[in-house]
């Protein structure tokens, strides 16, 4: 996997587990909001970066 793809996977996995933690009442709404803010910011920056360098090569 390329670096950008690893980050995308990490963001998705982190988002998934933070939702589960919230559902199980392991995190407060304030903590979830903080985590989601960071994830959204990173996703936006990653998207901008990937757009600036062009399309990622296919995994052939």
PDB file of N, CA and C in Angstrom:
ATOM      1  N   UNK A   1       0.831  -1.187   0.000  1.00  0.00           N
ATOM      2  CA  UNK A   1       0.000   0.000   0.000  1.00  0.00           C
ATOM      3  C   UNK A   1       0.872   1.246   0.000  1.00  0.00           C
ATOM      4  N   UNK A   2       0.395   2.248  -0.683  1.00  0.00           N
ATOM      5  CA  UNK A   2       1.103   3.529  -0.678  1.00  0.00           C
ATOM      6  C   UNK A   2       0.803   4.269   0.613  1.00  0.00           C
ATOM      7  N   UNK A   3       1.642   5.252   0.938  1.00  0.00           N
ATOM      8  CA  UNK A   3       1.479   6.007   2.174  1.00  0.00           C
ATOM      9  C   UNK A   3       0.104   6.631   2.331  1.00  0.00           C
ATOM     10  N   UNK A   4      -0.398   7.272   1.270  1.00  0.00           N
ATOM     11  CA  UNK A   4      -1.711   7.914   1.323  1.00  0.00           C
ATOM     12  C   UNK A   4      -2.823   6.920   1.574  1.00  0.00           C
ATOM     13  N   UNK A   5      -2.706   5.751   0.974  1.00  0.00           N
ATOM     14  CA  UNK A   5      -3.729   4.729   1.160  1.00  0.00           C
ATOM     15  C   UNK A   5      -3.722   4.217   2.598  1.00  0.00           C
ATOM     16  N   UNK A   6      -2.551   4.110   3.200  1.00  0.00           N
ATOM     17  CA  UNK A   6      -2.465   3.669   4.594  1.00  0.00           C
ATOM     18  C   UNK A   6      -3.159   4.666   5.510  1.00  0.00           C
ATOM     19  N   UNK A   7      -2.978   5.945   5.221  1.00  0.00           N
ATOM     20  CA  UNK A   7      -3.605   6.980   6.049  1.00  0.00           C
ATOM     21  C   UNK A   7      -5.116   6.933   5.895  1.00  0.00           C
ATOM     22  N   UNK A   8      -5.597   6.722   4.669  1.00  0.00           N
ATOM     23  CA  UNK A   8      -7.036   6.626   4.440  1.00  0.00           C
ATOM     24  C   UNK A   8      -7.613   5.467   5.241  1.00  0.00           C
ATOM     25  N   UNK A   9      -6.961   4.324   5.181  1.00  0.00           N
ATOM     26  CA  UNK A   9      -7.420   3.156   5.938  1.00  0.00           C
ATOM     27  C   UNK A   9      -7.406   3.470   7.426  1.00  0.00           C
ATOM     28  N   UNK A  10      -6.335   4.107   7.908  1.00  0.00           N
ATOM     29  CA  UNK A  10      -6.248   4.461   9.327  1.00  0.00           C
ATOM     30  C   UNK A  10      -7.401   5.377   9.733  1.00  0.00           C
ATOM     31  N   UNK A  11      -7.717   6.363   8.886  1.00  0.00           N
ATOM     32  CA  UNK A  11      -8.808   7.285   9.208  1.00  0.00           C
ATOM     33  C   UNK A  11     -10.144   6.548   9.296  1.00  0.00           C
ATOM     34  N   UNK A  12     -10.386   5.641   8.361  1.00  0.00           N
ATOM     35  CA  UNK A  12     -11.636   4.885   8.375  1.00  0.00           C
ATOM     36  C   UNK A  12     -11.724   3.963   9.592  1.00  0.00           C
ATOM     37  N   UNK A  13     -10.640   3.288   9.907  1.00  0.00           N
ATOM     38  CA  UNK A  13     -10.627   2.382  11.057  1.00  0.00           C
ATOM     39  C   UNK A  13     -10.812   3.174  12.348  1.00  0.00           C
ATOM     40  N   UNK A  14     -10.134   4.295  12.463  1.00  0.00           N
ATOM     41  CA  UNK A  14     -10.241   5.123  13.654  1.00  0.00           C
ATOM     42  C   UNK A  14     -11.672   5.619  13.834  1.00  0.00           C
ATOM     43  N   UNK A  15     -12.277   6.036  12.748  1.00  0.00           N
ATOM     44  CA  UNK A  15     -13.654   6.524  12.795  1.00  0.00           C
ATOM     45  C   UNK A  15     -14.595   5.396  13.247  1.00  0.00           C
ATOM     46  N   UNK A  16     -14.395   4.212  12.710  1.00  0.00           N
ATOM     47  CA  UNK A  16     -15.212   3.053  13.066  1.00  0.00           C
ATOM     48  C   UNK A  16     -15.122   2.754  14.563  1.00  0.00           C
ATOM     49  N   UNK A  17     -13.897   2.673  15.086  1.00  0.00           N
ATOM     50  CA  UNK A  17     -13.726   2.311  16.489  1.00  0.00           C
ATOM     51  C   UNK A  17     -14.145   3.431  17.431  1.00  0.00           C
ATOM     52  N   UNK A  18     -14.029   4.681  16.995  1.00  0.00           N
ATOM     53  CA  UNK A  18     -14.494   5.773  17.861  1.00  0.00           C
ATOM     54  C   UNK A  18     -16.021   5.737  17.971  1.00  0.00           C
ATOM     55  N   UNK A  19     -16.713   5.377  16.880  1.00  0.00           N
ATOM     56  CA  UNK A  19     -18.175   5.227  16.952  1.00  0.00           C
ATOM     57  C   UNK A  19     -18.553   4.096  17.904  1.00  0.00           C
ATOM     58  N   UNK A  20     -17.832   2.987  17.808  1.00  0.00           N
ATOM     59  CA  UNK A  20     -18.117   1.857  18.702  1.00  0.00           C
ATOM     60  C   UNK A  20     -17.859   2.233  20.160  1.00  0.00           C
ATOM     61  N   UNK A  21     -16.775   2.931  20.412  1.00  0.00           N
ATOM     62  CA  UNK A  21     -16.449   3.343  21.782  1.00  0.00           C
ATOM     63  C   UNK A  21     -17.529   4.265  22.337  1.00  0.00           C
ATOM     64  N   UNK A  22     -18.035   5.165  21.499  1.00  0.00           N
ATOM     65  CA  UNK A  22     -19.096   6.069  21.943  1.00  0.00           C
ATOM     66  C   UNK A  22     -20.372   5.278  22.255  1.00  0.00           C
ATOM     67  N   UNK A  23     -20.724   4.349  21.359  1.00  0.00           N
ATOM     68  CA  UNK A  23     -21.919   3.531  21.563  1.00  0.00           C
ATOM     69  C   UNK A  23     -21.834   2.745  22.867  1.00  0.00           C
ATOM     70  N   UNK A  24     -20.644   2.305  23.206  1.00  0.00           N
ATOM     71  CA  UNK A  24     -20.437   1.531  24.436  1.00  0.00           C
ATOM     72  C   UNK A  24     -20.184   2.417  25.651  1.00  0.00           C
ATOM     73  N   UNK A  25     -20.316   3.724  25.434  1.00  0.00           N
ATOM     74  CA  UNK A  25     -20.149   4.723  26.490  1.00  0.00           C
ATOM     75  C   UNK A  25     -18.741   4.705  27.104  1.00  0.00           C
ATOM     76  N   UNK A  26     -17.749   4.435  26.245  1.00  0.00           N
ATOM     77  CA  UNK A  26     -16.357   4.463  26.680  1.00  0.00           C
ATOM     78  C   UNK A  26     -15.739   5.843  26.470  1.00  0.00           C
ATOM     79  N   UNK A  27     -16.372   6.633  25.616  1.00  0.00           N
ATOM     80  CA  UNK A  27     -15.915   7.999  25.346  1.00  0.00           C
ATOM     81  C   UNK A  27     -17.089   8.949  25.531  1.00  0.00           C
ATOM     82  N   UNK A  28     -16.782  10.148  25.974  1.00  0.00           N
ATOM     83  CA  UNK A  28     -17.819  11.165  26.152  1.00  0.00           C
ATOM     84  C   UNK A  28     -18.092  11.844  24.810  1.00  0.00           C
ATOM     85  N   UNK A  29     -19.238  12.504  24.685  1.00  0.00           N
ATOM     86  CA  UNK A  29     -19.512  13.252  23.453  1.00  0.00           C
ATOM     87  C   UNK A  29     -18.418  14.284  23.150  1.00  0.00           C
ATOM     88  N   UNK A  30     -17.863  14.900  24.198  1.00  0.00           N
ATOM     89  CA  UNK A  30     -16.792  15.880  24.001  1.00  0.00           C
ATOM     90  C   UNK A  30     -15.551  15.214  23.393  1.00  0.00           C
ATOM     91  N   UNK A  31     -15.206  14.031  23.886  1.00  0.00           N
ATOM     92  CA  UNK A  31     -14.054  13.308  23.355  1.00  0.00           C
ATOM     93  C   UNK A  31     -14.280  12.896  21.901  1.00  0.00           C
ATOM     94  N   UNK A  32     -15.475  12.420  21.603  1.00  0.00           N
ATOM     95  CA  UNK A  32     -15.802  12.021  20.226  1.00  0.00           C
ATOM     96  C   UNK A  32     -15.728  13.227  19.297  1.00  0.00           C
ATOM     97  N   UNK A  33     -16.261  14.355  19.740  1.00  0.00           N
ATOM     98  CA  UNK A  33     -16.213  15.557  18.910  1.00  0.00           C
ATOM     99  C   UNK A  33     -14.768  15.949  18.614  1.00  0.00           C
ATOM    100  N   UNK A  34     -13.916  15.855  19.613  1.00  0.00           N
ATOM    101  CA  UNK A  34     -12.505  16.183  19.433  1.00  0.00           C
ATOM    102  C   UNK A  34     -11.839  15.231  18.435  1.00  0.00           C
ATOM    103  N   UNK A  35     -12.101  13.935  18.588  1.00  0.00           N
ATOM    104  CA  UNK A  35     -11.530  12.939  17.681  1.00  0.00           C
ATOM    105  C   UNK A  35     -12.037  13.157  16.257  1.00  0.00           C
ATOM    106  N   UNK A  36     -13.340  13.363  16.113  1.00  0.00           N
ATOM    107  CA  UNK A  36     -13.915  13.555  14.779  1.00  0.00           C
ATOM    108  C   UNK A  36     -13.395  14.829  14.117  1.00  0.00           C
ATOM    109  N   UNK A  37     -13.159  15.875  14.895  1.00  0.00           N
ATOM    110  CA  UNK A  37     -12.594  17.109  14.353  1.00  0.00           C
ATOM    111  C   UNK A  37     -11.212  16.839  13.762  1.00  0.00           C
ATOM    112  N   UNK A  38     -10.409  16.092  14.499  1.00  0.00           N
ATOM    113  CA  UNK A  38      -9.058  15.753  14.024  1.00  0.00           C
ATOM    114  C   UNK A  38      -9.141  14.889  12.770  1.00  0.00           C
ATOM    115  N   UNK A  39     -10.011  13.874  12.779  1.00  0.00           N
ATOM    116  CA  UNK A  39     -10.154  12.985  11.626  1.00  0.00           C
ATOM    117  C   UNK A  39     -10.605  13.770  10.402  1.00  0.00           C
ATOM    118  N   UNK A  40     -11.591  14.641  10.579  1.00  0.00           N
ATOM    119  CA  UNK A  40     -12.095  15.431   9.450  1.00  0.00           C
ATOM    120  C   UNK A  40     -11.018  16.359   8.898  1.00  0.00           C
ATOM    121  N   UNK A  41     -10.236  16.959   9.779  1.00  0.00           N
ATOM    122  CA  UNK A  41      -9.157  17.850   9.341  1.00  0.00           C
ATOM    123  C   UNK A  41      -8.093  17.076   8.571  1.00  0.00           C
ATOM    124  N   UNK A  42      -7.710  15.921   9.108  1.00  0.00           N
ATOM    125  CA  UNK A  42      -6.714  15.101   8.429  1.00  0.00           C
ATOM    126  C   UNK A  42      -7.225  14.597   7.086  1.00  0.00           C
ATOM    127  N   UNK A  43      -8.482  14.196   7.031  1.00  0.00           N
ATOM    128  CA  UNK A  43      -9.055  13.710   5.776  1.00  0.00           C
ATOM    129  C   UNK A  43      -9.059  14.814   4.730  1.00  0.00           C
ATOM    130  N   UNK A  44      -9.420  16.007   5.141  1.00  0.00           N
ATOM    131  CA  UNK A  44      -9.434  17.144   4.218  1.00  0.00           C
ATOM    132  C   UNK A  44      -8.033  17.459   3.704  1.00  0.00           C
ATOM    133  N   UNK A  45      -7.063  17.471   4.606  1.00  0.00           N
ATOM    134  CA  UNK A  45      -5.679  17.750   4.203  1.00  0.00           C
ATOM    135  C   UNK A  45      -5.138  16.647   3.295  1.00  0.00           C
ATOM    136  N   UNK A  46      -5.456  15.400   3.624  1.00  0.00           N
ATOM    137  CA  UNK A  46      -4.998  14.288   2.799  1.00  0.00           C
ATOM    138  C   UNK A  46      -5.611  14.364   1.410  1.00  0.00           C
ATOM    139  N   UNK A  47      -6.893  14.667   1.338  1.00  0.00           N
ATOM    140  CA  UNK A  47      -7.561  14.796   0.051  1.00  0.00           C
ATOM    141  C   UNK A  47      -6.913  15.898  -0.787  1.00  0.00           C
ATOM    142  N   UNK A  48      -6.620  17.023  -0.169  1.00  0.00           N
ATOM    143  CA  UNK A  48      -5.964  18.125  -0.874  1.00  0.00           C
ATOM    144  C   UNK A  48      -4.589  17.709  -1.380  1.00  0.00           C
ATOM    145  N   UNK A  49      -3.842  17.012  -0.543  1.00  0.00           N
ATOM    146  CA  UNK A  49      -2.511  16.559  -0.926  1.00  0.00           C
ATOM    147  C   UNK A  49      -2.582  15.573  -2.100  1.00  0.00           C
ATOM    148  N   UNK A  50      -3.470  14.589  -1.991  1.00  0.00           N
ATOM    149  CA  UNK A  50      -3.577  13.596  -3.054  1.00  0.00           C
ATOM    150  C   UNK A  50      -4.039  14.226  -4.360  1.00  0.00           C
ATOM    151  N   UNK A  51      -4.917  15.211  -4.273  1.00  0.00           N
ATOM    152  CA  UNK A  51      -5.359  15.924  -5.470  1.00  0.00           C
ATOM    153  C   UNK A  51      -4.193  16.692  -6.084  1.00  0.00           C
ATOM    154  N   UNK A  52      -3.346  17.271  -5.248  1.00  0.00           N
ATOM    155  CA  UNK A  52      -2.234  18.069  -5.761  1.00  0.00           C
ATOM    156  C   UNK A  52      -1.169  17.228  -6.470  1.00  0.00           C
ATOM    157  N   UNK A  53      -1.012  15.971  -6.055  1.00  0.00           N
ATOM    158  CA  UNK A  53       0.006  15.125  -6.696  1.00  0.00           C
ATOM    159  C   UNK A  53      -0.566  14.288  -7.833  1.00  0.00           C
ATOM    160  N   UNK A  54      -1.859  14.346  -8.019  1.00  0.00           N
ATOM    161  CA  UNK A  54      -2.486  13.594  -9.107  1.00  0.00           C
ATOM    162  C   UNK A  54      -3.088  12.290  -8.609  1.00  0.00           C
ATOM    163  N   UNK A  55      -3.642  11.556  -9.547  1.00  0.00           N
ATOM    164  CA  UNK A  55      -4.300  10.301  -9.199  1.00  0.00           C
ATOM    165  C   UNK A  55      -3.287   9.273  -8.722  1.00  0.00           C
ATOM    166  N   UNK A  56      -3.724   8.436  -7.769  1.00  0.00           N
ATOM    167  CA  UNK A  56      -2.883   7.363  -7.282  1.00  0.00           C
ATOM    168  C   UNK A  56      -2.850   6.244  -8.332  1.00  0.00           C
ATOM    169  N   UNK A  57      -1.712   5.619  -8.503  1.00  0.00           N
ATOM    170  CA  UNK A  57      -1.651   4.498  -9.455  1.00  0.00           C
ATOM    171  C   UNK A  57      -2.498   3.337  -8.957  1.00  0.00           C
ATOM    172  N   UNK A  58      -3.043   2.588  -9.892  1.00  0.00           N
ATOM    173  CA  UNK A  58      -3.846   1.431  -9.493  1.00  0.00           C
ATOM    174  C   UNK A  58      -2.928   0.353  -8.955  1.00  0.00           C
ATOM    175  N   UNK A  59      -3.475  -0.551  -8.172  1.00  0.00           N
ATOM    176  CA  UNK A  59      -2.683  -1.589  -7.519  1.00  0.00           C
ATOM    177  C   UNK A  59      -2.367  -2.771  -8.414  1.00  0.00           C
ATOM    178  N   UNK A  60      -2.060  -2.526  -9.660  1.00  0.00           N
ATOM    179  CA  UNK A  60      -1.759  -3.622 -10.592  1.00  0.00           C
ATOM    180  C   UNK A  60      -0.374  -4.161 -10.387  1.00  0.00           C
TER     181      UNK A  60
END
